[in-house]
Amino acid sequence: MRADIDRAQARRTISPREASGLRRQAADIQRQYAAFARGGLDRNEVRRLQDRVNDVRAHLRMERRDWDGRRG
């Protein structure tokens, strides 16, 4: 996911500000994964993490298409 964000910023399809926000969301997902993984992942935790990953990917797609340089 980070590589996709970095690639989009390098190609200037998203702004540095948009990339920063997406990276922050990706880092939050990694922290949550680490917290969940300590005790082993259950089905609900996996679903929650996957939903968050899908949300970030959807936001990345939207940001690449809006060309306004702002988040959201």
PDB file of N, CA and C in Angstrom:
ATOM      1  N   MET A   1       0.827  -1.177   0.000  1.00  0.00           N
ATOM      2  CA  MET A   1       0.000   0.000   0.000  1.00  0.00           C
ATOM      3  C   MET A   1       0.883   1.257   0.000  1.00  0.00           C
ATOM      4  N   ARG A   2       1.940   1.241   0.825  1.00  0.00           N
ATOM      5  CA  ARG A   2       2.835   2.402   0.842  1.00  0.00           C
ATOM      6  C   ARG A   2       3.488   2.621  -0.511  1.00  0.00           C
ATOM      7  N   ALA A   3       3.866   1.535  -1.167  1.00  0.00           N
ATOM      8  CA  ALA A   3       4.497   1.659  -2.492  1.00  0.00           C
ATOM      9  C   ALA A   3       3.528   2.293  -3.482  1.00  0.00           C
ATOM     10  N   ASP A   4       2.251   1.939  -3.406  1.00  0.00           N
ATOM     11  CA  ASP A   4       1.253   2.542  -4.293  1.00  0.00           C
ATOM     12  C   ASP A   4       1.120   4.036  -4.032  1.00  0.00           C
ATOM     13  N   ILE A   5       1.134   4.414  -2.762  1.00  0.00           N
ATOM     14  CA  ILE A   5       1.039   5.835  -2.399  1.00  0.00           C
ATOM     15  C   ILE A   5       2.273   6.577  -2.895  1.00  0.00           C
ATOM     16  N   ASP A   6       3.456   5.992  -2.641  1.00  0.00           N
ATOM     17  CA  ASP A   6       4.703   6.623  -3.092  1.00  0.00           C
ATOM     18  C   ASP A   6       4.736   6.775  -4.609  1.00  0.00           C
ATOM     19  N   ARG A   7       4.282   5.749  -5.316  1.00  0.00           N
ATOM     20  CA  ARG A   7       4.266   5.785  -6.777  1.00  0.00           C
ATOM     21  C   ARG A   7       3.327   6.871  -7.285  1.00  0.00           C
ATOM     22  N   ALA A   8       2.154   6.985  -6.674  1.00  0.00           N
ATOM     23  CA  ALA A   8       1.193   8.012  -7.087  1.00  0.00           C
ATOM     24  C   ALA A   8       1.751   9.413  -6.843  1.00  0.00           C
ATOM     25  N   GLN A   9       2.460   9.589  -5.735  1.00  0.00           N
ATOM     26  CA  GLN A   9       3.056  10.900  -5.466  1.00  0.00           C
ATOM     27  C   GLN A   9       4.190  11.179  -6.450  1.00  0.00           C
ATOM     28  N   ALA A  10       5.012  10.178  -6.721  1.00  0.00           N
ATOM     29  CA  ALA A  10       6.129  10.367  -7.654  1.00  0.00           C
ATOM     30  C   ALA A  10       5.629  10.719  -9.054  1.00  0.00           C
ATOM     31  N   ARG A  11       4.505  10.153  -9.437  1.00  0.00           N
ATOM     32  CA  ARG A  11       3.923  10.445 -10.752  1.00  0.00           C
ATOM     33  C   ARG A  11       3.092  11.720 -10.744  1.00  0.00           C
ATOM     34  N   ARG A  12       3.017  12.336  -9.568  1.00  0.00           N
ATOM     35  CA  ARG A  12       2.254  13.577  -9.375  1.00  0.00           C
ATOM     36  C   ARG A  12       0.767  13.430  -9.666  1.00  0.00           C
ATOM     37  N   THR A  13       0.237  12.219  -9.417  1.00  0.00           N
ATOM     38  CA  THR A  13      -1.207  12.043  -9.543  1.00  0.00           C
ATOM     39  C   THR A  13      -1.908  12.370  -8.234  1.00  0.00           C
ATOM     40  N   ILE A  14      -1.129  12.433  -7.134  1.00  0.00           N
ATOM     41  CA  ILE A  14      -1.638  12.948  -5.865  1.00  0.00           C
ATOM     42  C   ILE A  14      -0.606  13.926  -5.318  1.00  0.00           C
ATOM     43  N   SER A  15      -1.072  14.842  -4.505  1.00  0.00           N
ATOM     44  CA  SER A  15      -0.179  15.850  -3.938  1.00  0.00           C
ATOM     45  C   SER A  15       0.573  15.276  -2.737  1.00  0.00           C
ATOM     46  N   PRO A  16       1.651  15.931  -2.325  1.00  0.00           N
ATOM     47  CA  PRO A  16       2.356  15.500  -1.110  1.00  0.00           C
ATOM     48  C   PRO A  16       1.435  15.498   0.117  1.00  0.00           C
ATOM     49  N   ARG A  17       0.542  16.457   0.174  1.00  0.00           N
ATOM     50  CA  ARG A  17      -0.395  16.525   1.302  1.00  0.00           C
ATOM     51  C   ARG A  17      -1.343  15.321   1.309  1.00  0.00           C
ATOM     52  N   GLU A  18      -1.865  14.976   0.140  1.00  0.00           N
ATOM     53  CA  GLU A  18      -2.730  13.803   0.035  1.00  0.00           C
ATOM     54  C   GLU A  18      -1.957  12.542   0.402  1.00  0.00           C
ATOM     55  N   ALA A  19      -0.729  12.433  -0.095  1.00  0.00           N
ATOM     56  CA  ALA A  19       0.105  11.263   0.191  1.00  0.00           C
ATOM     57  C   ALA A  19       0.380  11.148   1.686  1.00  0.00           C
ATOM     58  N   SER A  20       0.634  12.270   2.333  1.00  0.00           N
ATOM     59  CA  SER A  20       0.911  12.266   3.769  1.00  0.00           C
ATOM     60  C   SER A  20      -0.267  11.707   4.557  1.00  0.00           C
ATOM     61  N   GLY A  21      -1.458  12.148   4.226  1.00  0.00           N
ATOM     62  CA  GLY A  21      -2.646  11.652   4.921  1.00  0.00           C
ATOM     63  C   GLY A  21      -2.864  10.166   4.705  1.00  0.00           C
ATOM     64  N   LEU A  22      -2.645   9.706   3.469  1.00  0.00           N
ATOM     65  CA  LEU A  22      -2.807   8.288   3.171  1.00  0.00           C
ATOM     66  C   LEU A  22      -1.744   7.448   3.884  1.00  0.00           C
ATOM     67  N   ARG A  23      -0.513   7.969   3.937  1.00  0.00           N
ATOM     68  CA  ARG A  23       0.546   7.253   4.665  1.00  0.00           C
ATOM     69  C   ARG A  23       0.217   7.146   6.150  1.00  0.00           C
ATOM     70  N   ARG A  24      -0.348   8.209   6.703  1.00  0.00           N
ATOM     71  CA  ARG A  24      -0.730   8.203   8.114  1.00  0.00           C
ATOM     72  C   ARG A  24      -1.795   7.125   8.367  1.00  0.00           C
ATOM     73  N   GLN A  25      -2.766   7.023   7.473  1.00  0.00           N
ATOM     74  CA  GLN A  25      -3.790   5.986   7.617  1.00  0.00           C
ATOM     75  C   GLN A  25      -3.173   4.591   7.519  1.00  0.00           C
ATOM     76  N   ALA A  26      -2.241   4.408   6.584  1.00  0.00           N
ATOM     77  CA  ALA A  26      -1.574   3.109   6.426  1.00  0.00           C
ATOM     78  C   ALA A  26      -0.782   2.759   7.685  1.00  0.00           C
ATOM     79  N   ALA A  27      -0.108   3.739   8.275  1.00  0.00           N
ATOM     80  CA  ALA A  27       0.655   3.500   9.499  1.00  0.00           C
ATOM     81  C   ALA A  27      -0.270   3.124  10.656  1.00  0.00           C
ATOM     82  N   ASP A  28      -1.441   3.755  10.713  1.00  0.00           N
ATOM     83  CA  ASP A  28      -2.419   3.416  11.754  1.00  0.00           C
ATOM     84  C   ASP A  28      -2.872   1.965  11.614  1.00  0.00           C
ATOM     85  N   ILE A  29      -3.067   1.528  10.384  1.00  0.00           N
ATOM     86  CA  ILE A  29      -3.470   0.136  10.140  1.00  0.00           C
ATOM     87  C   ILE A  29      -2.363  -0.809  10.597  1.00  0.00           C
ATOM     88  N   GLN A  30      -1.110  -0.469  10.319  1.00  0.00           N
ATOM     89  CA  GLN A  30       0.001  -1.314  10.751  1.00  0.00           C
ATOM     90  C   GLN A  30       0.071  -1.398  12.276  1.00  0.00           C
ATOM     91  N   ARG A  31      -0.138  -0.281  12.949  1.00  0.00           N
ATOM     92  CA  ARG A  31      -0.131  -0.290  14.415  1.00  0.00           C
ATOM     93  C   ARG A  31      -1.276  -1.151  14.958  1.00  0.00           C
ATOM     94  N   GLN A  32      -2.445  -1.019  14.341  1.00  0.00           N
ATOM     95  CA  GLN A  32      -3.577  -1.811  14.794  1.00  0.00           C
ATOM     96  C   GLN A  32      -3.321  -3.299  14.547  1.00  0.00           C
ATOM     97  N   TYR A  33      -2.719  -3.631  13.412  1.00  0.00           N
ATOM     98  CA  TYR A  33      -2.377  -5.023  13.125  1.00  0.00           C
ATOM     99  C   TYR A  33      -1.430  -5.563  14.192  1.00  0.00           C
ATOM    100  N   ALA A  34      -0.404  -4.786  14.537  1.00  0.00           N
ATOM    101  CA  ALA A  34       0.561  -5.226  15.544  1.00  0.00           C
ATOM    102  C   ALA A  34      -0.130  -5.473  16.887  1.00  0.00           C
ATOM    103  N   ALA A  35      -1.051  -4.598  17.245  1.00  0.00           N
ATOM    104  CA  ALA A  35      -1.778  -4.763  18.506  1.00  0.00           C
ATOM    105  C   ALA A  35      -2.650  -6.015  18.477  1.00  0.00           C
ATOM    106  N   PHE A  36      -3.342  -6.244  17.377  1.00  0.00           N
ATOM    107  CA  PHE A  36      -4.197  -7.417  17.251  1.00  0.00           C
ATOM    108  C   PHE A  36      -3.365  -8.698  17.215  1.00  0.00           C
ATOM    109  N   ALA A  37      -2.220  -8.661  16.547  1.00  0.00           N
ATOM    110  CA  ALA A  37      -1.422  -9.868  16.325  1.00  0.00           C
ATOM    111  C   ALA A  37      -0.796 -10.396  17.613  1.00  0.00           C
ATOM    112  N   ARG A  38      -0.642  -9.546  18.609  1.00  0.00           N
ATOM    113  CA  ARG A  38      -0.032  -9.995  19.868  1.00  0.00           C
ATOM    114  C   ARG A  38      -0.773 -11.184  20.466  1.00  0.00           C
ATOM    115  N   GLY A  39      -2.086 -11.136  20.406  1.00  0.00           N
ATOM    116  CA  GLY A  39      -2.877 -12.223  20.978  1.00  0.00           C
ATOM    117  C   GLY A  39      -3.425 -13.168  19.928  1.00  0.00           C
ATOM    118  N   GLY A  40      -3.006 -12.998  18.695  1.00  0.00           N
ATOM    119  CA  GLY A  40      -3.554 -13.795  17.606  1.00  0.00           C
ATOM    120  C   GLY A  40      -4.770 -13.102  17.025  1.00  0.00           C
ATOM    121  N   LEU A  41      -4.916 -13.184  15.738  1.00  0.00           N
ATOM    122  CA  LEU A  41      -6.020 -12.498  15.059  1.00  0.00           C
ATOM    123  C   LEU A  41      -7.256 -13.386  15.026  1.00  0.00           C
ATOM    124  N   ASP A  42      -8.388 -12.808  15.388  1.00  0.00           N
ATOM    125  CA  ASP A  42      -9.636 -13.541  15.203  1.00  0.00           C
ATOM    126  C   ASP A  42     -10.316 -13.026  13.928  1.00  0.00           C
ATOM    127  N   ARG A  43     -11.379 -13.657  13.564  1.00  0.00           N
ATOM    128  CA  ARG A  43     -12.069 -13.341  12.310  1.00  0.00           C
ATOM    129  C   ARG A  43     -12.524 -11.884  12.240  1.00  0.00           C
ATOM    130  N   ASN A  44     -13.043 -11.358  13.343  1.00  0.00           N
ATOM    131  CA  ASN A  44     -13.517  -9.973  13.354  1.00  0.00           C
ATOM    132  C   ASN A  44     -12.379  -8.979  13.183  1.00  0.00           C
ATOM    133  N   GLU A  45     -11.241  -9.260  13.807  1.00  0.00           N
ATOM    134  CA  GLU A  45     -10.090  -8.369  13.679  1.00  0.00           C
ATOM    135  C   GLU A  45      -9.554  -8.365  12.251  1.00  0.00           C
ATOM    136  N   VAL A  46      -9.503  -9.537  11.640  1.00  0.00           N
ATOM    137  CA  VAL A  46      -9.053  -9.625  10.243  1.00  0.00           C
ATOM    138  C   VAL A  46      -9.998  -8.830   9.350  1.00  0.00           C
ATOM    139  N   ARG A  47     -11.289  -8.975   9.563  1.00  0.00           N
ATOM    140  CA  ARG A  47     -12.277  -8.246   8.754  1.00  0.00           C
ATOM    141  C   ARG A  47     -12.137  -6.738   8.946  1.00  0.00           C
ATOM    142  N   ARG A  48     -11.940  -6.316  10.198  1.00  0.00           N
ATOM    143  CA  ARG A  48     -11.771  -4.891  10.483  1.00  0.00           C
ATOM    144  C   ARG A  48     -10.534  -4.321   9.781  1.00  0.00           C
ATOM    145  N   LEU A  49      -9.426  -5.056   9.862  1.00  0.00           N
ATOM    146  CA  LEU A  49      -8.203  -4.617   9.192  1.00  0.00           C
ATOM    147  C   LEU A  49      -8.389  -4.570   7.677  1.00  0.00           C
ATOM    148  N   GLN A  50      -9.013  -5.595   7.116  1.00  0.00           N
ATOM    149  CA  GLN A  50      -9.230  -5.632   5.671  1.00  0.00           C
ATOM    150  C   GLN A  50     -10.134  -4.490   5.224  1.00  0.00           C
ATOM    151  N   ASP A  51     -11.149  -4.181   6.010  1.00  0.00           N
ATOM    152  CA  ASP A  51     -12.028  -3.052   5.683  1.00  0.00           C
ATOM    153  C   ASP A  51     -11.250  -1.742   5.666  1.00  0.00           C
ATOM    154  N   ARG A  52     -10.356  -1.560   6.632  1.00  0.00           N
ATOM    155  CA  ARG A  52      -9.560  -0.327   6.678  1.00  0.00           C
ATOM    156  C   ARG A  52      -8.597  -0.244   5.495  1.00  0.00           C
ATOM    157  N   VAL A  53      -7.988  -1.375   5.136  1.00  0.00           N
ATOM    158  CA  VAL A  53      -7.097  -1.402   3.970  1.00  0.00           C
ATOM    159  C   VAL A  53      -7.890  -1.045   2.713  1.00  0.00           C
ATOM    160  N   ASN A  54      -9.062  -1.628   2.570  1.00  0.00           N
ATOM    161  CA  ASN A  54      -9.895  -1.333   1.404  1.00  0.00           C
ATOM    162  C   ASN A  54     -10.289   0.141   1.364  1.00  0.00           C
ATOM    163  N   ASP A  55     -10.572   0.729   2.523  1.00  0.00           N
ATOM    164  CA  ASP A  55     -10.912   2.153   2.579  1.00  0.00           C
ATOM    165  C   ASP A  55      -9.748   3.021   2.107  1.00  0.00           C
ATOM    166  N   VAL A  56      -8.532   2.711   2.558  1.00  0.00           N
ATOM    167  CA  VAL A  56      -7.362   3.497   2.149  1.00  0.00           C
ATOM    168  C   VAL A  56      -7.139   3.355   0.647  1.00  0.00           C
ATOM    169  N   ARG A  57      -7.271   2.138   0.132  1.00  0.00           N
ATOM    170  CA  ARG A  57      -7.106   1.930  -1.316  1.00  0.00           C
ATOM    171  C   ARG A  57      -8.167   2.710  -2.108  1.00  0.00           C
ATOM    172  N   ALA A  58      -9.397   2.734  -1.604  1.00  0.00           N
ATOM    173  CA  ALA A  58     -10.459   3.487  -2.271  1.00  0.00           C
ATOM    174  C   ALA A  58     -10.149   4.987  -2.239  1.00  0.00           C
ATOM    175  N   HIS A  59      -9.656   5.473  -1.100  1.00  0.00           N
ATOM    176  CA  HIS A  59      -9.288   6.886  -1.006  1.00  0.00           C
ATOM    177  C   HIS A  59      -8.150   7.215  -1.968  1.00  0.00           C
ATOM    178  N   LEU A  60      -7.193   6.311  -2.097  1.00  0.00           N
ATOM    179  CA  LEU A  60      -6.094   6.531  -3.035  1.00  0.00           C
ATOM    180  C   LEU A  60      -6.625   6.640  -4.461  1.00  0.00           C
ATOM    181  N   ARG A  61      -7.538   5.745  -4.831  1.00  0.00           N
ATOM    182  CA  ARG A  61      -8.135   5.820  -6.177  1.00  0.00           C
ATOM    183  C   ARG A  61      -8.871   7.139  -6.384  1.00  0.00           C
ATOM    184  N   MET A  62      -9.621   7.578  -5.373  1.00  0.00           N
ATOM    185  CA  MET A  62     -10.362   8.840  -5.490  1.00  0.00           C
ATOM    186  C   MET A  62      -9.411  10.021  -5.605  1.00  0.00           C
ATOM    187  N   GLU A  63      -8.360  10.026  -4.788  1.00  0.00           N
ATOM    188  CA  GLU A  63      -7.409  11.139  -4.821  1.00  0.00           C
ATOM    189  C   GLU A  63      -6.698  11.223  -6.170  1.00  0.00           C
ATOM    190  N   ARG A  64      -6.409  10.079  -6.766  1.00  0.00           N
ATOM    191  CA  ARG A  64      -5.733  10.100  -8.068  1.00  0.00           C
ATOM    192  C   ARG A  64      -6.628  10.695  -9.142  1.00  0.00           C
ATOM    193  N   ARG A  65      -7.918  10.575  -8.963  1.00  0.00           N
ATOM    194  CA  ARG A  65      -8.853  11.031 -10.000  1.00  0.00           C
ATOM    195  C   ARG A  65      -9.361  12.453  -9.804  1.00  0.00           C
ATOM    196  N   ASP A  66      -9.152  13.049  -8.633  1.00  0.00           N
ATOM    197  CA  ASP A  66      -9.772  14.360  -8.403  1.00  0.00           C
ATOM    198  C   ASP A  66      -8.918  15.551  -8.828  1.00  0.00           C
ATOM    199  N   TRP A  67      -7.604  15.408  -8.884  1.00  0.00           N
ATOM    200  CA  TRP A  67      -6.695  16.441  -9.384  1.00  0.00           C
ATOM    201  C   TRP A  67      -6.820  17.784  -8.673  1.00  0.00           C
ATOM    202  N   ASP A  68      -7.309  17.811  -7.417  1.00  0.00           N
ATOM    203  CA  ASP A  68      -7.439  19.107  -6.736  1.00  0.00           C
ATOM    204  C   ASP A  68      -6.332  19.374  -5.717  1.00  0.00           C
ATOM    205  N   GLY A  69      -5.526  18.363  -5.396  1.00  0.00           N
ATOM    206  CA  GLY A  69      -4.409  18.551  -4.470  1.00  0.00           C
ATOM    207  C   GLY A  69      -4.810  18.635  -3.002  1.00  0.00           C
ATOM    208  N   ARG A  70      -6.082  18.380  -2.705  1.00  0.00           N
ATOM    209  CA  ARG A  70      -6.556  18.434  -1.311  1.00  0.00           C
ATOM    210  C   ARG A  70      -7.088  17.081  -0.912  1.00  0.00           C
ATOM    211  N   ARG A  71      -7.020  16.808   0.384  1.00  0.00           N
ATOM    212  CA  ARG A  71      -7.568  15.557   0.913  1.00  0.00           C
ATOM    213  C   ARG A  71      -9.084  15.582   0.837  1.00  0.00           C
ATOM    214  N   GLY A  72      -9.653  14.385   0.635  1.00  0.00           N
ATOM    215  CA  GLY A  72     -11.101  14.239   0.704  1.00  0.00           C
ATOM    216  C   GLY A  72     -11.860  14.530  -0.540  1.00  0.00           C
TER     217      GLY A  72
END
